[in-house]
Amino acid sequence: MSKPTPRMKRRRFVTLAALSGAALLTSPLSRAMAAVERARSPVEGRRRAASPAIRKEIATQEKSLRDQLKVIRGYDLPPGSPMAFAFEPRIAARKRGES
């Protein structure tokens, strides 16, 4: 059985998250910009038209989703009924010697 990886300290995690966010803001987003340019280009950004089978499947899935949402939205809950769930944050147990 493999050893579990050691947990990263919160301060280190926040620092890494902040640095990665700063790196994203300062680095050129060349791949994203290339995708935008391809989408804007009338020749390169064209997609093939969906086949009739694909259009039929999309329509079937949209109808199924509409029916499911209709059932969910149409379900009447009696006043004062209990909640389905409640989020309760759990406090992690601290290890001894850790500050």
N, C-alpha and C. Protein backbone atom coordinates (compact mmCIF):
# COMPACT_ATOMS: atom_id res chain seq x y z
N MET A 1 0.84 -1.16 0.00
CA MET A 1 0.00 0.00 0.00
C MET A 1 0.89 1.24 0.00
N SER A 2 0.54 2.25 -0.79
CA SER A 2 1.37 3.43 -0.90
C SER A 2 1.13 4.38 0.27
N LYS A 3 2.14 5.18 0.56
CA LYS A 3 2.03 6.15 1.65
C LYS A 3 1.17 7.33 1.19
N PRO A 4 0.34 7.87 2.05
CA PRO A 4 -0.43 9.05 1.66
C PRO A 4 0.50 10.25 1.50
N THR A 5 0.17 11.12 0.57
CA THR A 5 1.00 12.30 0.36
C THR A 5 0.82 13.27 1.52
N PRO A 6 1.89 13.95 1.90
CA PRO A 6 1.77 14.90 3.01
C PRO A 6 0.88 16.07 2.61
N ARG A 7 0.14 16.57 3.58
CA ARG A 7 -0.77 17.69 3.31
C ARG A 7 0.00 18.98 3.19
N MET A 8 -0.45 19.85 2.30
CA MET A 8 0.17 21.14 2.11
C MET A 8 -0.39 22.12 3.13
N LYS A 9 0.46 22.95 3.67
CA LYS A 9 0.01 23.96 4.62
C LYS A 9 -0.84 24.99 3.90
N ARG A 10 -1.81 25.55 4.60
CA ARG A 10 -2.75 26.51 4.01
C ARG A 10 -2.02 27.73 3.45
N ARG A 11 -1.06 28.24 4.19
CA ARG A 11 -0.34 29.43 3.74
C ARG A 11 0.39 29.16 2.43
N ARG A 12 0.99 27.99 2.30
CA ARG A 12 1.69 27.61 1.06
C ARG A 12 0.70 27.49 -0.08
N PHE A 13 -0.44 26.90 0.16
CA PHE A 13 -1.46 26.74 -0.87
C PHE A 13 -1.95 28.10 -1.37
N VAL A 14 -2.25 29.01 -0.44
CA VAL A 14 -2.74 30.34 -0.82
C VAL A 14 -1.67 31.08 -1.62
N THR A 15 -0.42 30.95 -1.21
CA THR A 15 0.67 31.60 -1.94
C THR A 15 0.76 31.06 -3.36
N LEU A 16 0.71 29.74 -3.51
CA LEU A 16 0.77 29.15 -4.84
C LEU A 16 -0.42 29.56 -5.69
N ALA A 17 -1.60 29.62 -5.09
CA ALA A 17 -2.78 30.03 -5.84
C ALA A 17 -2.65 31.48 -6.30
N ALA A 18 -2.14 32.35 -5.44
CA ALA A 18 -1.97 33.75 -5.81
C ALA A 18 -0.91 33.90 -6.90
N LEU A 19 0.18 33.17 -6.80
CA LEU A 19 1.22 33.24 -7.81
C LEU A 19 0.75 32.71 -9.16
N SER A 20 -0.03 31.64 -9.13
CA SER A 20 -0.52 31.10 -10.40
C SER A 20 -1.52 32.05 -11.04
N GLY A 21 -2.34 32.72 -10.23
CA GLY A 21 -3.26 33.70 -10.77
C GLY A 21 -2.51 34.87 -11.38
N ALA A 22 -1.45 35.32 -10.71
CA ALA A 22 -0.65 36.42 -11.24
C ALA A 22 0.05 35.99 -12.54
N ALA A 23 0.51 34.75 -12.59
CA ALA A 23 1.17 34.26 -13.80
C ALA A 23 0.19 34.22 -14.96
N LEU A 24 -1.04 33.85 -14.70
CA LEU A 24 -2.04 33.83 -15.77
C LEU A 24 -2.31 35.23 -16.30
N LEU A 25 -2.35 36.20 -15.40
CA LEU A 25 -2.63 37.57 -15.82
C LEU A 25 -1.47 38.19 -16.59
N THR A 26 -0.24 37.82 -16.24
CA THR A 26 0.91 38.45 -16.88
C THR A 26 1.38 37.71 -18.12
N SER A 27 1.06 36.44 -18.26
CA SER A 27 1.55 35.68 -19.42
C SER A 27 0.62 35.89 -20.61
N PRO A 28 1.17 35.82 -21.80
CA PRO A 28 0.30 35.97 -22.98
C PRO A 28 -0.57 34.71 -23.13
N LEU A 29 -1.79 34.92 -23.41
CA LEU A 29 -2.71 33.80 -23.57
C LEU A 29 -2.77 33.44 -25.04
N SER A 30 -1.65 32.94 -25.55
CA SER A 30 -1.53 32.72 -26.99
C SER A 30 -2.51 31.67 -27.50
N ARG A 31 -2.68 30.57 -26.77
CA ARG A 31 -3.60 29.53 -27.25
C ARG A 31 -5.03 30.02 -27.26
N ALA A 32 -5.41 30.74 -26.22
CA ALA A 32 -6.77 31.25 -26.16
C ALA A 32 -7.00 32.29 -27.25
N MET A 33 -6.03 33.16 -27.47
CA MET A 33 -6.18 34.17 -28.51
C MET A 33 -6.21 33.53 -29.89
N ALA A 34 -5.44 32.48 -30.10
CA ALA A 34 -5.46 31.78 -31.39
C ALA A 34 -6.83 31.16 -31.63
N ALA A 35 -7.45 30.63 -30.57
CA ALA A 35 -8.78 30.05 -30.71
C ALA A 35 -9.80 31.13 -31.05
N VAL A 36 -9.67 32.30 -30.44
CA VAL A 36 -10.58 33.40 -30.74
C VAL A 36 -10.41 33.85 -32.20
N GLU A 37 -9.19 33.94 -32.64
CA GLU A 37 -8.94 34.35 -34.02
C GLU A 37 -9.50 33.32 -35.01
N ARG A 38 -9.35 32.05 -34.70
CA ARG A 38 -9.91 31.01 -35.58
C ARG A 38 -11.42 31.12 -35.64
N ALA A 39 -12.04 31.41 -34.50
CA ALA A 39 -13.49 31.54 -34.47
C ALA A 39 -13.95 32.76 -35.26
N ARG A 40 -13.17 33.82 -35.24
CA ARG A 40 -13.53 35.03 -35.98
C ARG A 40 -13.30 34.88 -37.47
N SER A 41 -12.33 34.09 -37.85
CA SER A 41 -11.98 33.92 -39.25
C SER A 41 -13.11 33.18 -39.98
N PRO A 42 -13.60 33.73 -41.09
CA PRO A 42 -14.71 33.08 -41.78
C PRO A 42 -14.33 31.76 -42.44
N VAL A 43 -13.08 31.59 -42.82
CA VAL A 43 -12.68 30.36 -43.51
C VAL A 43 -12.26 29.29 -42.52
N GLU A 44 -11.38 29.62 -41.60
CA GLU A 44 -10.83 28.62 -40.68
C GLU A 44 -11.80 28.23 -39.57
N GLY A 45 -12.70 29.12 -39.18
CA GLY A 45 -13.56 28.87 -38.04
C GLY A 45 -14.84 28.12 -38.38
N ARG A 46 -15.03 27.76 -39.62
CA ARG A 46 -16.26 27.07 -40.00
C ARG A 46 -16.33 25.68 -39.41
N ARG A 47 -17.52 25.31 -39.04
CA ARG A 47 -17.76 23.94 -38.57
C ARG A 47 -18.64 23.25 -39.58
N ARG A 48 -18.52 21.96 -39.59
CA ARG A 48 -19.42 21.19 -40.45
C ARG A 48 -20.81 21.27 -39.88
N ALA A 49 -21.78 21.24 -40.76
CA ALA A 49 -23.18 21.24 -40.32
C ALA A 49 -23.46 19.90 -39.64
N ALA A 50 -24.26 19.95 -38.59
CA ALA A 50 -24.59 18.73 -37.86
C ALA A 50 -25.45 17.83 -38.74
N SER A 51 -25.18 16.55 -38.65
CA SER A 51 -25.96 15.60 -39.44
C SER A 51 -27.38 15.51 -38.88
N PRO A 52 -28.32 15.01 -39.69
CA PRO A 52 -29.70 14.89 -39.20
C PRO A 52 -29.80 14.01 -37.95
N ALA A 53 -28.99 12.98 -37.86
CA ALA A 53 -29.03 12.11 -36.69
C ALA A 53 -28.60 12.87 -35.43
N ILE A 54 -27.58 13.71 -35.56
CA ILE A 54 -27.11 14.48 -34.41
C ILE A 54 -28.15 15.52 -34.02
N ARG A 55 -28.73 16.20 -35.00
CA ARG A 55 -29.78 17.18 -34.68
C ARG A 55 -30.96 16.51 -34.00
N LYS A 56 -31.32 15.30 -34.45
CA LYS A 56 -32.43 14.57 -33.83
C LYS A 56 -32.09 14.20 -32.39
N GLU A 57 -30.86 13.75 -32.14
CA GLU A 57 -30.45 13.38 -30.78
C GLU A 57 -30.44 14.60 -29.87
N ILE A 58 -29.96 15.73 -30.36
CA ILE A 58 -29.96 16.95 -29.56
C ILE A 58 -31.38 17.35 -29.21
N ALA A 59 -32.29 17.26 -30.18
CA ALA A 59 -33.69 17.60 -29.92
C ALA A 59 -34.29 16.65 -28.88
N THR A 60 -33.95 15.37 -28.98
CA THR A 60 -34.45 14.37 -28.01
C THR A 60 -33.95 14.70 -26.61
N GLN A 61 -32.66 15.03 -26.48
CA GLN A 61 -32.10 15.34 -25.17
C GLN A 61 -32.69 16.64 -24.60
N GLU A 62 -32.91 17.64 -25.47
CA GLU A 62 -33.53 18.88 -25.00
C GLU A 62 -34.94 18.63 -24.50
N LYS A 63 -35.70 17.79 -25.20
CA LYS A 63 -37.06 17.47 -24.77
C LYS A 63 -37.04 16.73 -23.44
N SER A 64 -36.11 15.79 -23.31
CA SER A 64 -35.99 15.03 -22.07
C SER A 64 -35.67 15.97 -20.90
N LEU A 65 -34.75 16.90 -21.13
CA LEU A 65 -34.39 17.86 -20.08
C LEU A 65 -35.58 18.75 -19.72
N ARG A 66 -36.32 19.22 -20.73
CA ARG A 66 -37.50 20.04 -20.46
C ARG A 66 -38.51 19.27 -19.61
N ASP A 67 -38.73 17.99 -19.95
CA ASP A 67 -39.69 17.18 -19.19
C ASP A 67 -39.23 16.99 -17.75
N GLN A 68 -37.94 16.72 -17.56
CA GLN A 68 -37.41 16.54 -16.21
C GLN A 68 -37.55 17.81 -15.39
N LEU A 69 -37.22 18.95 -15.98
CA LEU A 69 -37.34 20.22 -15.26
C LEU A 69 -38.79 20.54 -14.94
N LYS A 70 -39.70 20.18 -15.84
CA LYS A 70 -41.12 20.42 -15.60
C LYS A 70 -41.59 19.63 -14.37
N VAL A 71 -41.15 18.37 -14.26
CA VAL A 71 -41.54 17.54 -13.12
C VAL A 71 -40.95 18.11 -11.82
N ILE A 72 -39.66 18.50 -11.87
CA ILE A 72 -39.01 19.03 -10.67
C ILE A 72 -39.66 20.32 -10.23
N ARG A 73 -39.91 21.22 -11.17
CA ARG A 73 -40.50 22.52 -10.82
C ARG A 73 -41.96 22.40 -10.42
N GLY A 74 -42.63 21.37 -10.91
CA GLY A 74 -44.05 21.19 -10.60
C GLY A 74 -44.31 20.47 -9.30
N TYR A 75 -43.27 19.98 -8.64
CA TYR A 75 -43.44 19.25 -7.38
C TYR A 75 -43.74 20.23 -6.26
N ASP A 76 -44.88 20.07 -5.63
CA ASP A 76 -45.28 20.97 -4.54
C ASP A 76 -44.79 20.44 -3.20
N LEU A 77 -44.09 21.29 -2.49
CA LEU A 77 -43.66 20.95 -1.14
C LEU A 77 -44.65 21.57 -0.17
N PRO A 78 -45.09 20.80 0.81
CA PRO A 78 -45.99 21.38 1.80
C PRO A 78 -45.26 22.43 2.63
N PRO A 79 -45.98 23.45 3.09
CA PRO A 79 -45.32 24.48 3.92
C PRO A 79 -44.76 23.86 5.19
N GLY A 80 -43.55 24.29 5.52
CA GLY A 80 -42.91 23.81 6.74
C GLY A 80 -42.27 22.44 6.59
N SER A 81 -42.15 21.93 5.38
CA SER A 81 -41.53 20.61 5.21
C SER A 81 -40.04 20.71 5.52
N PRO A 82 -39.43 19.61 5.98
CA PRO A 82 -38.02 19.67 6.35
C PRO A 82 -37.15 19.84 5.10
N MET A 83 -35.98 20.45 5.30
CA MET A 83 -35.04 20.63 4.19
C MET A 83 -34.50 19.28 3.77
N ALA A 84 -34.14 19.17 2.49
CA ALA A 84 -33.58 17.93 1.98
C ALA A 84 -32.18 17.70 2.56
N PHE A 85 -31.42 18.77 2.71
CA PHE A 85 -30.09 18.65 3.29
C PHE A 85 -29.71 19.99 3.89
N ALA A 86 -28.73 19.98 4.73
CA ALA A 86 -28.20 21.20 5.30
C ALA A 86 -26.69 21.08 5.35
N PHE A 87 -26.00 22.09 4.90
CA PHE A 87 -24.54 22.10 4.92
C PHE A 87 -24.08 22.51 6.30
N GLU A 88 -23.26 21.67 6.89
CA GLU A 88 -22.67 21.98 8.18
C GLU A 88 -21.17 21.77 8.07
N PRO A 89 -20.40 22.86 8.11
CA PRO A 89 -18.94 22.70 7.99
C PRO A 89 -18.39 21.95 9.19
N ARG A 90 -17.43 21.09 8.91
CA ARG A 90 -16.79 20.34 9.98
C ARG A 90 -15.45 20.96 10.28
N ILE A 91 -15.13 21.08 11.54
CA ILE A 91 -13.85 21.64 11.95
C ILE A 91 -12.85 20.49 12.04
N ALA A 92 -11.72 20.66 11.34
CA ALA A 92 -10.72 19.62 11.33
C ALA A 92 -10.05 19.52 12.69
N ALA A 93 -9.77 18.32 13.10
CA ALA A 93 -9.06 18.11 14.37
C ALA A 93 -7.61 18.50 14.16
N ARG A 94 -7.08 19.28 15.06
CA ARG A 94 -5.68 19.73 14.94
C ARG A 94 -4.76 18.69 15.54
N LYS A 95 -3.63 18.54 14.88
CA LYS A 95 -2.61 17.63 15.39
C LYS A 95 -1.85 18.33 16.51
N ARG A 96 -1.35 17.55 17.41
CA ARG A 96 -0.57 18.13 18.51
C ARG A 96 0.77 18.61 17.96
N GLY A 97 1.22 19.75 18.47
CA GLY A 97 2.50 20.28 18.06
C GLY A 97 2.42 21.16 16.83
N GLU A 98 1.27 21.21 16.19
CA GLU A 98 1.10 22.05 15.00
C GLU A 98 0.51 23.39 15.43
N SER A 99 1.05 24.46 14.89
CA SER A 99 0.53 25.78 15.28
C SER A 99 -0.39 26.36 14.26
